[in-house]
Full PDB file with SEQRES, HELIX, SHEET, SSBOND, CRYST1, ORIGX, SCALE, CONECT and MASTER records, all heavy atoms in Angstrom:
SEQRES   1 A   41  VAL LEU LEU GLY GLY HIS ILE VAL GLY ALA GLU ALA ALA          
SEQRES   2 A   41  THR MET ILE HIS MET VAL ILE ALA TYR MET LYS MET LYS          
SEQRES   3 A   41  ALA THR LEU PHE ASP ILE LYS ASP THR ILE TYR ILE HIS          
SEQRES   4 A   41  PRO ALA                                                      
HELIX    1 AA1 ALA A   12  LYS A   24  1                                  13    
HELIX    2 AA2 LEU A   29  LYS A   33  1                                   5    
CRYST1    1.000    1.000    1.000  90.00  90.00  90.00 P 1           1          
ORIGX1      1.000000  0.000000  0.000000        0.00000                         
ORIGX2      0.000000  1.000000  0.000000        0.00000                         
ORIGX3      0.000000  0.000000  1.000000        0.00000                         
SCALE1      1.000000  0.000000  0.000000        0.00000                         
SCALE2      0.000000  1.000000  0.000000        0.00000                         
SCALE3      0.000000  0.000000  1.000000        0.00000                         
ATOM      1  N   VAL A   1       0.848  -1.199   0.000  1.00  0.00           N  
ATOM      2  CA  VAL A   1       0.000   0.000   0.000  1.00  0.00           C  
ATOM      3  C   VAL A   1       0.882   1.247   0.000  1.00  0.00           C  
ATOM      4  O   VAL A   1       1.909   1.293   0.698  1.00  0.00           O  
ATOM      5  CB  VAL A   1      -0.946  -0.005   1.223  1.00  0.00           C  
ATOM      6  CG1 VAL A   1      -1.641   1.338   1.396  1.00  0.00           C  
ATOM      7  CG2 VAL A   1      -1.973  -1.111   1.085  1.00  0.00           C  
ATOM      8  N   LEU A   2       0.490   2.252  -0.772  1.00  0.00           N  
ATOM      9  CA  LEU A   2       1.227   3.509  -0.819  1.00  0.00           C  
ATOM     10  C   LEU A   2       1.127   4.214   0.523  1.00  0.00           C  
ATOM     11  O   LEU A   2       0.027   4.486   1.015  1.00  0.00           O  
ATOM     12  CB  LEU A   2       0.671   4.407  -1.928  1.00  0.00           C  
ATOM     13  CG  LEU A   2       1.336   5.776  -2.079  1.00  0.00           C  
ATOM     14  CD1 LEU A   2       2.801   5.631  -2.493  1.00  0.00           C  
ATOM     15  CD2 LEU A   2       0.568   6.615  -3.087  1.00  0.00           C  
ATOM     16  N   LEU A   3       2.259   4.522   1.126  1.00  0.00           N  
ATOM     17  CA  LEU A   3       2.305   5.214   2.415  1.00  0.00           C  
ATOM     18  C   LEU A   3       2.427   6.718   2.259  1.00  0.00           C  
ATOM     19  O   LEU A   3       1.927   7.480   3.088  1.00  0.00           O  
ATOM     20  CB  LEU A   3       3.492   4.707   3.242  1.00  0.00           C  
ATOM     21  CG  LEU A   3       3.497   3.222   3.571  1.00  0.00           C  
ATOM     22  CD1 LEU A   3       4.814   2.846   4.239  1.00  0.00           C  
ATOM     23  CD2 LEU A   3       2.311   2.873   4.459  1.00  0.00           C  
ATOM     24  N   GLY A   4       3.100   7.157   1.219  1.00  0.00           N  
ATOM     25  CA  GLY A   4       3.287   8.590   1.023  1.00  0.00           C  
ATOM     26  C   GLY A   4       4.222   8.851  -0.129  1.00  0.00           C  
ATOM     27  O   GLY A   4       4.740   7.929  -0.761  1.00  0.00           O  
ATOM     28  N   GLY A   5       4.430  10.123  -0.386  1.00  0.00           N  
ATOM     29  CA  GLY A   5       5.311  10.497  -1.470  1.00  0.00           C  
ATOM     30  C   GLY A   5       5.766  11.931  -1.361  1.00  0.00           C  
ATOM     31  O   GLY A   5       5.182  12.720  -0.609  1.00  0.00           O  
ATOM     32  N   HIS A   6       6.805  12.228  -2.088  1.00  0.00           N  
ATOM     33  CA  HIS A   6       7.355  13.577  -2.186  1.00  0.00           C  
ATOM     34  C   HIS A   6       7.496  13.910  -3.655  1.00  0.00           C  
ATOM     35  O   HIS A   6       7.925  13.058  -4.445  1.00  0.00           O  
ATOM     36  CB  HIS A   6       8.745  13.661  -1.550  1.00  0.00           C  
ATOM     37  CG  HIS A   6       8.794  13.295  -0.123  1.00  0.00           C  
ATOM     38  ND1 HIS A   6       8.690  14.228   0.870  1.00  0.00           N  
ATOM     39  CD2 HIS A   6       8.942  12.100   0.487  1.00  0.00           C  
ATOM     40  CE1 HIS A   6       8.786  13.613   2.042  1.00  0.00           C  
ATOM     41  NE2 HIS A   6       8.922  12.323   1.832  1.00  0.00           N  
ATOM     42  N   ILE A   7       7.168  15.136  -4.011  1.00  0.00           N  
ATOM     43  CA  ILE A   7       7.404  15.597  -5.373  1.00  0.00           C  
ATOM     44  C   ILE A   7       8.000  16.993  -5.288  1.00  0.00           C  
ATOM     45  O   ILE A   7       7.447  17.876  -4.633  1.00  0.00           O  
ATOM     46  CB  ILE A   7       6.111  15.639  -6.216  1.00  0.00           C  
ATOM     47  CG1 ILE A   7       5.434  14.266  -6.233  1.00  0.00           C  
ATOM     48  CG2 ILE A   7       6.422  16.114  -7.637  1.00  0.00           C  
ATOM     49  CD1 ILE A   7       4.100  14.238  -6.959  1.00  0.00           C  
ATOM     50  N   VAL A   8       9.127  17.188  -5.959  1.00  0.00           N  
ATOM     51  CA  VAL A   8       9.784  18.481  -6.037  1.00  0.00           C  
ATOM     52  C   VAL A   8       9.988  18.783  -7.506  1.00  0.00           C  
ATOM     53  O   VAL A   8      10.530  17.956  -8.239  1.00  0.00           O  
ATOM     54  CB  VAL A   8      11.154  18.461  -5.311  1.00  0.00           C  
ATOM     55  CG1 VAL A   8      11.877  19.785  -5.481  1.00  0.00           C  
ATOM     56  CG2 VAL A   8      10.975  18.121  -3.843  1.00  0.00           C  
ATOM     57  N   GLY A   9       9.530  19.956  -7.938  1.00  0.00           N  
ATOM     58  CA  GLY A   9       9.735  20.337  -9.334  1.00  0.00           C  
ATOM     59  C   GLY A   9       8.482  20.940  -9.931  1.00  0.00           C  
ATOM     60  O   GLY A   9       7.481  21.175  -9.238  1.00  0.00           O  
ATOM     61  N   ALA A  10       8.542  21.159 -11.231  1.00  0.00           N  
ATOM     62  CA  ALA A  10       7.421  21.761 -11.959  1.00  0.00           C  
ATOM     63  C   ALA A  10       6.152  20.937 -11.754  1.00  0.00           C  
ATOM     64  O   ALA A  10       6.193  19.710 -11.762  1.00  0.00           O  
ATOM     65  CB  ALA A  10       7.757  21.844 -13.449  1.00  0.00           C  
ATOM     66  N   GLU A  11       5.049  21.625 -11.546  1.00  0.00           N  
ATOM     67  CA  GLU A  11       3.725  21.010 -11.397  1.00  0.00           C  
ATOM     68  C   GLU A  11       3.607  20.055 -10.203  1.00  0.00           C  
ATOM     69  O   GLU A  11       2.665  19.253 -10.131  1.00  0.00           O  
ATOM     70  CB  GLU A  11       3.310  20.272 -12.688  1.00  0.00           C  
ATOM     71  CG  GLU A  11       3.269  21.159 -13.914  1.00  0.00           C  
ATOM     72  CD  GLU A  11       2.248  22.291 -13.802  1.00  0.00           C  
ATOM     73  OE1 GLU A  11       1.179  22.098 -13.187  1.00  0.00           O  
ATOM     74  OE2 GLU A  11       2.535  23.380 -14.329  1.00  0.00           O  
ATOM     75  N   ALA A  12       4.532  20.153  -9.252  1.00  0.00           N  
ATOM     76  CA  ALA A  12       4.488  19.274  -8.082  1.00  0.00           C  
ATOM     77  C   ALA A  12       3.191  19.447  -7.292  1.00  0.00           C  
ATOM     78  O   ALA A  12       2.600  18.465  -6.841  1.00  0.00           O  
ATOM     79  CB  ALA A  12       5.690  19.530  -7.179  1.00  0.00           C  
ATOM     80  N   ALA A  13       2.735  20.684  -7.144  1.00  0.00           N  
ATOM     81  CA  ALA A  13       1.520  20.942  -6.371  1.00  0.00           C  
ATOM     82  C   ALA A  13       0.292  20.320  -7.029  1.00  0.00           C  
ATOM     83  O   ALA A  13      -0.666  19.961  -6.347  1.00  0.00           O  
ATOM     84  CB  ALA A  13       1.315  22.453  -6.203  1.00  0.00           C  
ATOM     85  N   THR A  14       0.309  20.173  -8.326  1.00  0.00           N  
ATOM     86  CA  THR A  14      -0.792  19.527  -9.034  1.00  0.00           C  
ATOM     87  C   THR A  14      -0.650  18.006  -8.994  1.00  0.00           C  
ATOM     88  O   THR A  14      -1.596  17.285  -8.694  1.00  0.00           O  
ATOM     89  CB  THR A  14      -0.838  20.013 -10.503  1.00  0.00           C  
ATOM     90  OG1 THR A  14      -0.988  21.434 -10.496  1.00  0.00           O  
ATOM     91  CG2 THR A  14      -1.975  19.367 -11.253  1.00  0.00           C  
ATOM     92  N   MET A  15       0.549  17.519  -9.258  1.00  0.00           N  
ATOM     93  CA  MET A  15       0.752  16.072  -9.317  1.00  0.00           C  
ATOM     94  C   MET A  15       0.595  15.389  -7.962  1.00  0.00           C  
ATOM     95  O   MET A  15       0.210  14.223  -7.907  1.00  0.00           O  
ATOM     96  CB  MET A  15       2.132  15.742  -9.888  1.00  0.00           C  
ATOM     97  CG  MET A  15       2.234  16.036 -11.360  1.00  0.00           C  
ATOM     98  SD  MET A  15       3.670  15.274 -12.136  1.00  0.00           S  
ATOM     99  CE  MET A  15       5.013  15.770 -11.105  1.00  0.00           C  
ATOM    100  N   ILE A  16       0.865  16.101  -6.866  1.00  0.00           N  
ATOM    101  CA  ILE A  16       0.758  15.463  -5.548  1.00  0.00           C  
ATOM    102  C   ILE A  16      -0.674  15.002  -5.284  1.00  0.00           C  
ATOM    103  O   ILE A  16      -0.896  14.074  -4.504  1.00  0.00           O  
ATOM    104  CB  ILE A  16       1.286  16.378  -4.423  1.00  0.00           C  
ATOM    105  CG1 ILE A  16       1.593  15.579  -3.152  1.00  0.00           C  
ATOM    106  CG2 ILE A  16       0.308  17.505  -4.130  1.00  0.00           C  
ATOM    107  CD1 ILE A  16       2.750  14.634  -3.269  1.00  0.00           C  
ATOM    108  N   HIS A  17      -1.635  15.594  -5.984  1.00  0.00           N  
ATOM    109  CA  HIS A  17      -3.023  15.162  -5.813  1.00  0.00           C  
ATOM    110  C   HIS A  17      -3.227  13.716  -6.257  1.00  0.00           C  
ATOM    111  O   HIS A  17      -4.074  13.014  -5.717  1.00  0.00           O  
ATOM    112  CB  HIS A  17      -3.983  16.114  -6.529  1.00  0.00           C  
ATOM    113  CG  HIS A  17      -4.131  17.393  -5.789  1.00  0.00           C  
ATOM    114  ND1 HIS A  17      -3.344  18.476  -6.034  1.00  0.00           N  
ATOM    115  CD2 HIS A  17      -4.940  17.738  -4.758  1.00  0.00           C  
ATOM    116  CE1 HIS A  17      -3.670  19.444  -5.206  1.00  0.00           C  
ATOM    117  NE2 HIS A  17      -4.626  19.026  -4.421  1.00  0.00           N  
ATOM    118  N   MET A  18      -2.459  13.261  -7.230  1.00  0.00           N  
ATOM    119  CA  MET A  18      -2.528  11.844  -7.609  1.00  0.00           C  
ATOM    120  C   MET A  18      -2.093  10.976  -6.434  1.00  0.00           C  
ATOM    121  O   MET A  18      -2.739   9.970  -6.128  1.00  0.00           O  
ATOM    122  CB  MET A  18      -1.604  11.550  -8.807  1.00  0.00           C  
ATOM    123  CG  MET A  18      -2.066  12.102 -10.118  1.00  0.00           C  
ATOM    124  SD  MET A  18      -0.881  11.743 -11.454  1.00  0.00           S  
ATOM    125  CE  MET A  18      -1.094   9.968 -11.611  1.00  0.00           C  
ATOM    126  N   VAL A  19      -1.016  11.384  -5.776  1.00  0.00           N  
ATOM    127  CA  VAL A  19      -0.508  10.630  -4.629  1.00  0.00           C  
ATOM    128  C   VAL A  19      -1.534  10.640  -3.501  1.00  0.00           C  
ATOM    129  O   VAL A  19      -1.814   9.610  -2.885  1.00  0.00           O  
ATOM    130  CB  VAL A  19       0.853  11.193  -4.167  1.00  0.00           C  
ATOM    131  CG1 VAL A  19       1.337  10.513  -2.900  1.00  0.00           C  
ATOM    132  CG2 VAL A  19       1.892  11.071  -5.281  1.00  0.00           C  
ATOM    133  N   ILE A  20      -2.140  11.809  -3.241  1.00  0.00           N  
ATOM    134  CA  ILE A  20      -3.155  11.920  -2.194  1.00  0.00           C  
ATOM    135  C   ILE A  20      -4.349  11.015  -2.507  1.00  0.00           C  
ATOM    136  O   ILE A  20      -4.848  10.311  -1.624  1.00  0.00           O  
ATOM    137  CB  ILE A  20      -3.605  13.386  -2.029  1.00  0.00           C  
ATOM    138  CG1 ILE A  20      -2.446  14.235  -1.477  1.00  0.00           C  
ATOM    139  CG2 ILE A  20      -4.838  13.496  -1.131  1.00  0.00           C  
ATOM    140  CD1 ILE A  20      -2.676  15.731  -1.590  1.00  0.00           C  
ATOM    141  N   ALA A  21      -4.804  11.024  -3.749  1.00  0.00           N  
ATOM    142  CA  ALA A  21      -5.942  10.175  -4.134  1.00  0.00           C  
ATOM    143  C   ALA A  21      -5.595   8.702  -3.963  1.00  0.00           C  
ATOM    144  O   ALA A  21      -6.400   7.917  -3.442  1.00  0.00           O  
ATOM    145  CB  ALA A  21      -6.361  10.469  -5.574  1.00  0.00           C  
ATOM    146  N   TYR A  22      -4.400   8.307  -4.391  1.00  0.00           N  
ATOM    147  CA  TYR A  22      -3.978   6.915  -4.220  1.00  0.00           C  
ATOM    148  C   TYR A  22      -3.946   6.536  -2.740  1.00  0.00           C  
ATOM    149  O   TYR A  22      -4.372   5.442  -2.366  1.00  0.00           O  
ATOM    150  CB  TYR A  22      -2.590   6.687  -4.818  1.00  0.00           C  
ATOM    151  CG  TYR A  22      -2.523   6.588  -6.313  1.00  0.00           C  
ATOM    152  CD1 TYR A  22      -1.502   7.223  -7.016  1.00  0.00           C  
ATOM    153  CD2 TYR A  22      -3.440   5.834  -7.034  1.00  0.00           C  
ATOM    154  CE1 TYR A  22      -1.403   7.113  -8.397  1.00  0.00           C  
ATOM    155  CE2 TYR A  22      -3.351   5.724  -8.409  1.00  0.00           C  
ATOM    156  CZ  TYR A  22      -2.327   6.375  -9.080  1.00  0.00           C  
ATOM    157  OH  TYR A  22      -2.232   6.253 -10.443  1.00  0.00           O  
ATOM    158  N   MET A  23      -3.436   7.436  -1.906  1.00  0.00           N  
ATOM    159  CA  MET A  23      -3.376   7.147  -0.464  1.00  0.00           C  
ATOM    160  C   MET A  23      -4.779   7.016   0.114  1.00  0.00           C  
ATOM    161  O   MET A  23      -5.045   6.116   0.911  1.00  0.00           O  
ATOM    162  CB  MET A  23      -2.581   8.232   0.260  1.00  0.00           C  
ATOM    163  CG  MET A  23      -1.100   8.187  -0.054  1.00  0.00           C  
ATOM    164  SD  MET A  23      -0.185   9.589   0.612  1.00  0.00           S  
ATOM    165  CE  MET A  23      -0.434   9.320   2.368  1.00  0.00           C  
ATOM    166  N   LYS A  24      -5.674   7.897  -0.274  1.00  0.00           N  
ATOM    167  CA  LYS A  24      -7.058   7.859   0.215  1.00  0.00           C  
ATOM    168  C   LYS A  24      -7.730   6.539  -0.182  1.00  0.00           C  
ATOM    169  O   LYS A  24      -8.503   5.971   0.578  1.00  0.00           O  
ATOM    170  CB  LYS A  24      -7.826   9.050  -0.364  1.00  0.00           C  
ATOM    171  CG  LYS A  24      -9.260   9.132   0.018  1.00  0.00           C  
ATOM    172  CD  LYS A  24      -9.437   9.728   1.383  1.00  0.00           C  
ATOM    173  CE  LYS A  24     -10.921   9.926   1.658  1.00  0.00           C  
ATOM    174  NZ  LYS A  24     -11.226   9.793   3.048  1.00  0.00           N  
ATOM    175  N   MET A  25      -7.401   6.035  -1.363  1.00  0.00           N  
ATOM    176  CA  MET A  25      -7.963   4.778  -1.871  1.00  0.00           C  
ATOM    177  C   MET A  25      -7.262   3.551  -1.289  1.00  0.00           C  
ATOM    178  O   MET A  25      -7.666   2.426  -1.575  1.00  0.00           O  
ATOM    179  CB  MET A  25      -7.814   4.723  -3.402  1.00  0.00           C  
ATOM    180  CG  MET A  25      -8.599   5.755  -4.149  1.00  0.00           C  
ATOM    181  SD  MET A  25      -8.087   5.922  -5.901  1.00  0.00           S  
ATOM    182  CE  MET A  25      -7.884   4.251  -6.417  1.00  0.00           C  
ATOM    183  N   LYS A  26      -6.180   3.791  -0.539  1.00  0.00           N  
ATOM    184  CA  LYS A  26      -5.343   2.689  -0.040  1.00  0.00           C  
ATOM    185  C   LYS A  26      -4.818   1.850  -1.212  1.00  0.00           C  
ATOM    186  O   LYS A  26      -4.779   0.617  -1.175  1.00  0.00           O  
ATOM    187  CB  LYS A  26      -6.076   1.840   0.979  1.00  0.00           C  
ATOM    188  CG  LYS A  26      -6.468   2.613   2.225  1.00  0.00           C  
ATOM    189  CD  LYS A  26      -7.083   1.729   3.261  1.00  0.00           C  
ATOM    190  CE  LYS A  26      -7.505   2.402   4.530  1.00  0.00           C  
ATOM    191  NZ  LYS A  26      -7.261   3.749   4.806  1.00  0.00           N  
ATOM    192  N   ALA A  27      -4.428   2.559  -2.269  1.00  0.00           N  
ATOM    193  CA  ALA A  27      -3.936   1.909  -3.479  1.00  0.00           C  
ATOM    194  C   ALA A  27      -2.604   1.210  -3.212  1.00  0.00           C  
ATOM    195  O   ALA A  27      -1.779   1.685  -2.436  1.00  0.00           O  
ATOM    196  CB  ALA A  27      -3.763   2.934  -4.591  1.00  0.00           C  
ATOM    197  N   THR A  28      -2.428   0.098  -3.884  1.00  0.00           N  
ATOM    198  CA  THR A  28      -1.166  -0.632  -3.795  1.00  0.00           C  
ATOM    199  C   THR A  28      -0.260  -0.252  -4.964  1.00  0.00           C  
ATOM    200  O   THR A  28      -0.700   0.387  -5.929  1.00  0.00           O  
ATOM    201  CB  THR A  28      -1.398  -2.158  -3.847  1.00  0.00           C  
ATOM    202  OG1 THR A  28      -1.875  -2.503  -5.157  1.00  0.00           O  
ATOM    203  CG2 THR A  28      -2.369  -2.615  -2.779  1.00  0.00           C  
ATOM    204  N   LEU A  29       0.938  -0.701  -4.878  1.00  0.00           N  
ATOM    205  CA  LEU A  29       1.903  -0.527  -5.953  1.00  0.00           C  
ATOM    206  C   LEU A  29       1.318  -1.063  -7.264  1.00  0.00           C  
ATOM    207  O   LEU A  29       1.486  -0.464  -8.319  1.00  0.00           O  
ATOM    208  CB  LEU A  29       3.179  -1.282  -5.557  1.00  0.00           C  
ATOM    209  CG  LEU A  29       4.420  -1.073  -6.371  1.00  0.00           C  
ATOM    210  CD1 LEU A  29       5.638  -1.110  -5.464  1.00  0.00           C  
ATOM    211  CD2 LEU A  29       4.538  -2.118  -7.423  1.00  0.00           C  
ATOM    212  N   PHE A  30       0.582  -2.164  -7.182  1.00  0.00           N  
ATOM    213  CA  PHE A  30       0.012  -2.777  -8.381  1.00  0.00           C  
ATOM    214  C   PHE A  30      -1.165  -1.981  -8.932  1.00  0.00           C  
ATOM    215  O   PHE A  30      -1.388  -1.953 -10.151  1.00  0.00           O  
ATOM    216  CB  PHE A  30      -0.366  -4.231  -8.090  1.00  0.00           C  
ATOM    217  CG  PHE A  30       0.801  -5.006  -7.550  1.00  0.00           C  
ATOM    218  CD1 PHE A  30       0.854  -5.350  -6.211  1.00  0.00           C  
ATOM    219  CD2 PHE A  30       1.870  -5.342  -8.364  1.00  0.00           C  
ATOM    220  CE1 PHE A  30       1.932  -6.044  -5.696  1.00  0.00           C  
ATOM    221  CE2 PHE A  30       2.968  -6.031  -7.865  1.00  0.00           C  
ATOM    222  CZ  PHE A  30       3.005  -6.383  -6.522  1.00  0.00           C  
ATOM    223  N   ASP A  31      -1.929  -1.299  -8.064  1.00  0.00           N  
ATOM    224  CA  ASP A  31      -2.995  -0.414  -8.534  1.00  0.00           C  
ATOM    225  C   ASP A  31      -2.398   0.739  -9.338  1.00  0.00           C  
ATOM    226  O   ASP A  31      -2.930   1.123 -10.385  1.00  0.00           O  
ATOM    227  CB  ASP A  31      -3.800   0.156  -7.364  1.00  0.00           C  
ATOM    228  CG  ASP A  31      -4.569  -0.895  -6.599  1.00  0.00           C  
ATOM    229  OD1 ASP A  31      -5.094  -1.832  -7.228  1.00  0.00           O  
ATOM    230  OD2 ASP A  31      -4.638  -0.779  -5.360  1.00  0.00           O  
ATOM    231  N   ILE A  32      -1.306   1.275  -8.837  1.00  0.00           N  
ATOM    232  CA  ILE A  32      -0.648   2.387  -9.521  1.00  0.00           C  
ATOM    233  C   ILE A  32      -0.055   1.894 -10.842  1.00  0.00           C  
ATOM    234  O   ILE A  32      -0.088   2.597 -11.849  1.00  0.00           O  
ATOM    235  CB  ILE A  32       0.405   3.039  -8.601  1.00  0.00           C  
ATOM    236  CG1 ILE A  32      -0.301   3.624  -7.372  1.00  0.00           C  
ATOM    237  CG2 ILE A  32       1.190   4.114  -9.335  1.00  0.00           C  
ATOM    238  CD1 ILE A  32       0.626   4.071  -6.267  1.00  0.00           C  
ATOM    239  N   LYS A  33       0.433   0.685 -10.849  1.00  0.00           N  
ATOM    240  CA  LYS A  33       0.963   0.089 -12.085  1.00  0.00           C  
ATOM    241  C   LYS A  33      -0.130  -0.009 -13.143  1.00  0.00           C  
ATOM    242  O   LYS A  33       0.121   0.187 -14.327  1.00  0.00           O  
ATOM    243  CB  LYS A  33       1.532  -1.303 -11.793  1.00  0.00           C  
ATOM    244  CG  LYS A  33       2.080  -2.006 -12.995  1.00  0.00           C  
ATOM    245  CD  LYS A  33       2.577  -3.398 -12.648  1.00  0.00           C  
ATOM    246  CE  LYS A  33       3.077  -4.099 -13.885  1.00  0.00           C  
ATOM    247  NZ  LYS A  33       3.241  -5.527 -13.685  1.00  0.00           N  
ATOM    248  N   ASP A  34      -1.363  -0.315 -12.738  1.00  0.00           N  
ATOM    249  CA  ASP A  34      -2.465  -0.512 -13.679  1.00  0.00           C  
ATOM    250  C   ASP A  34      -3.117   0.785 -14.155  1.00  0.00           C  
ATOM    251  O   ASP A  34      -4.027   0.744 -14.977  1.00  0.00           O  
ATOM    252  CB  ASP A  34      -3.530  -1.411 -13.053  1.00  0.00           C  
ATOM    253  CG  ASP A  34      -3.057  -2.850 -12.916  1.00  0.00           C  
ATOM    254  OD1 ASP A  34      -2.101  -3.246 -13.611  1.00  0.00           O  
ATOM    255  OD2 ASP A  34      -3.635  -3.581 -12.089  1.00  0.00           O  
ATOM    256  N   THR A  35      -2.646   1.922 -13.654  1.00  0.00           N  
ATOM    257  CA  THR A  35      -3.173   3.215 -14.082  1.00  0.00           C  
ATOM    258  C   THR A  35      -2.683   3.526 -15.496  1.00  0.00           C  
ATOM    259  O   THR A  35      -1.567   3.183 -15.860  1.00  0.00           O  
ATOM    260  CB  THR A  35      -2.709   4.326 -13.113  1.00  0.00           C  
ATOM    261  OG1 THR A  35      -3.204   4.040 -11.808  1.00  0.00           O  
ATOM    262  CG2 THR A  35      -3.202   5.694 -13.544  1.00  0.00           C  
ATOM    263  N   ILE A  36      -3.524   4.188 -16.271  1.00  0.00           N  
ATOM    264  CA  ILE A  36      -3.129   4.642 -17.601  1.00  0.00           C  
ATOM    265  C   ILE A  36      -2.577   6.056 -17.463  1.00  0.00           C  
ATOM    266  O   ILE A  36      -3.212   6.919 -16.865  1.00  0.00           O  
ATOM    267  CB  ILE A  36      -4.328   4.618 -18.568  1.00  0.00           C  
ATOM    268  CG1 ILE A  36      -4.826   3.183 -18.738  1.00  0.00           C  
ATOM    269  CG2 ILE A  36      -3.950   5.243 -19.914  1.00  0.00           C  
ATOM    270  CD1 ILE A  36      -6.150   3.071 -19.468  1.00  0.00           C  
ATOM    271  N   TYR A  37      -1.407   6.276 -17.999  1.00  0.00           N  
ATOM    272  CA  TYR A  37      -0.736   7.573 -17.914  1.00  0.00           C  
ATOM    273  C   TYR A  37      -0.688   8.223 -19.292  1.00  0.00           C  
ATOM    274  O   TYR A  37      -0.403   7.560 -20.289  1.00  0.00           O  
ATOM    275  CB  TYR A  37       0.689   7.399 -17.368  1.00  0.00           C  
ATOM    276  CG  TYR A  37       0.689   6.911 -15.943  1.00  0.00           C  
ATOM    277  CD1 TYR A  37       0.597   5.556 -15.650  1.00  0.00           C  
ATOM    278  CD2 TYR A  37       0.741   7.807 -14.894  1.00  0.00           C  
ATOM    279  CE1 TYR A  37       0.568   5.108 -14.346  1.00  0.00           C  
ATOM    280  CE2 TYR A  37       0.718   7.371 -13.575  1.00  0.00           C  
ATOM    281  CZ  TYR A  37       0.629   6.022 -13.313  1.00  0.00           C  
ATOM    282  OH  TYR A  37       0.592   5.577 -12.020  1.00  0.00           O  
ATOM    283  N   ILE A  38      -0.943   9.520 -19.334  1.00  0.00           N  
ATOM    284  CA  ILE A  38      -0.864  10.292 -20.572  1.00  0.00           C  
ATOM    285  C   ILE A  38       0.608  10.454 -20.951  1.00  0.00           C  
ATOM    286  O   ILE A  38       1.460  10.662 -20.093  1.00  0.00           O  
ATOM    287  CB  ILE A  38      -1.515  11.677 -20.381  1.00  0.00           C  
ATOM    288  CG1 ILE A  38      -2.962  11.543 -19.919  1.00  0.00           C  
ATOM    289  CG2 ILE A  38      -1.416  12.509 -21.654  1.00  0.00           C  
ATOM    290  CD1 ILE A  38      -3.850  10.749 -20.829  1.00  0.00           C  
ATOM    291  N   HIS A  39       0.893  10.392 -22.241  1.00  0.00           N  
ATOM    292  CA  HIS A  39       2.274  10.519 -22.718  1.00  0.00           C  
ATOM    293  C   HIS A  39       2.349  11.543 -23.838  1.00  0.00           C  
ATOM    294  O   HIS A  39       1.549  11.463 -24.774  1.00  0.00           O  
ATOM    295  CB  HIS A  39       2.754   9.166 -23.232  1.00  0.00           C  
ATOM    296  CG  HIS A  39       4.103   9.213 -23.868  1.00  0.00           C  
ATOM    297  ND1 HIS A  39       5.260   9.278 -23.140  1.00  0.00           N  
ATOM    298  CD2 HIS A  39       4.477   9.227 -25.181  1.00  0.00           C  
ATOM    299  CE1 HIS A  39       6.291   9.310 -23.969  1.00  0.00           C  
ATOM    300  NE2 HIS A  39       5.844   9.279 -25.203  1.00  0.00           N  
ATOM    301  N   PRO A  40       3.262  12.474 -23.763  1.00  0.00           N  
ATOM    302  CA  PRO A  40       4.158  12.751 -22.653  1.00  0.00           C  
ATOM    303  C   PRO A  40       3.489  13.692 -21.656  1.00  0.00           C  
ATOM    304  O   PRO A  40       2.755  14.603 -22.050  1.00  0.00           O  
ATOM    305  CB  PRO A  40       5.351  13.439 -23.316  1.00  0.00           C  
ATOM    306  CG  PRO A  40       4.753  14.183 -24.473  1.00  0.00           C  
ATOM    307  CD  PRO A  40       3.582  13.324 -24.938  1.00  0.00           C  
ATOM    308  N   ALA A  41       3.703  13.465 -20.401  1.00  0.00           N  
ATOM    309  CA  ALA A  41       3.187  14.333 -19.339  1.00  0.00           C  
ATOM    310  C   ALA A  41       3.994  14.081 -18.073  1.00  0.00           C  
ATOM    311  O   ALA A  41       4.499  12.980 -17.857  1.00  0.00           O  
ATOM    312  CB  ALA A  41       1.704  14.062 -19.094  1.00  0.00           C  
TER     313      ALA A  41                                                      
MASTER        0    0    0    2    0    0    0    6  312    1    0    4          
END                                                                             
């Protein structure tokens, strides 16, 4: 299960919401693996 994360850099304040949502869902490493990611982003 995802415990937390750190993001430093451009758009960090926006991207951290993905981490927060995953934590709220108690997502596992494998749940995050199964996510579809936009490319390039």
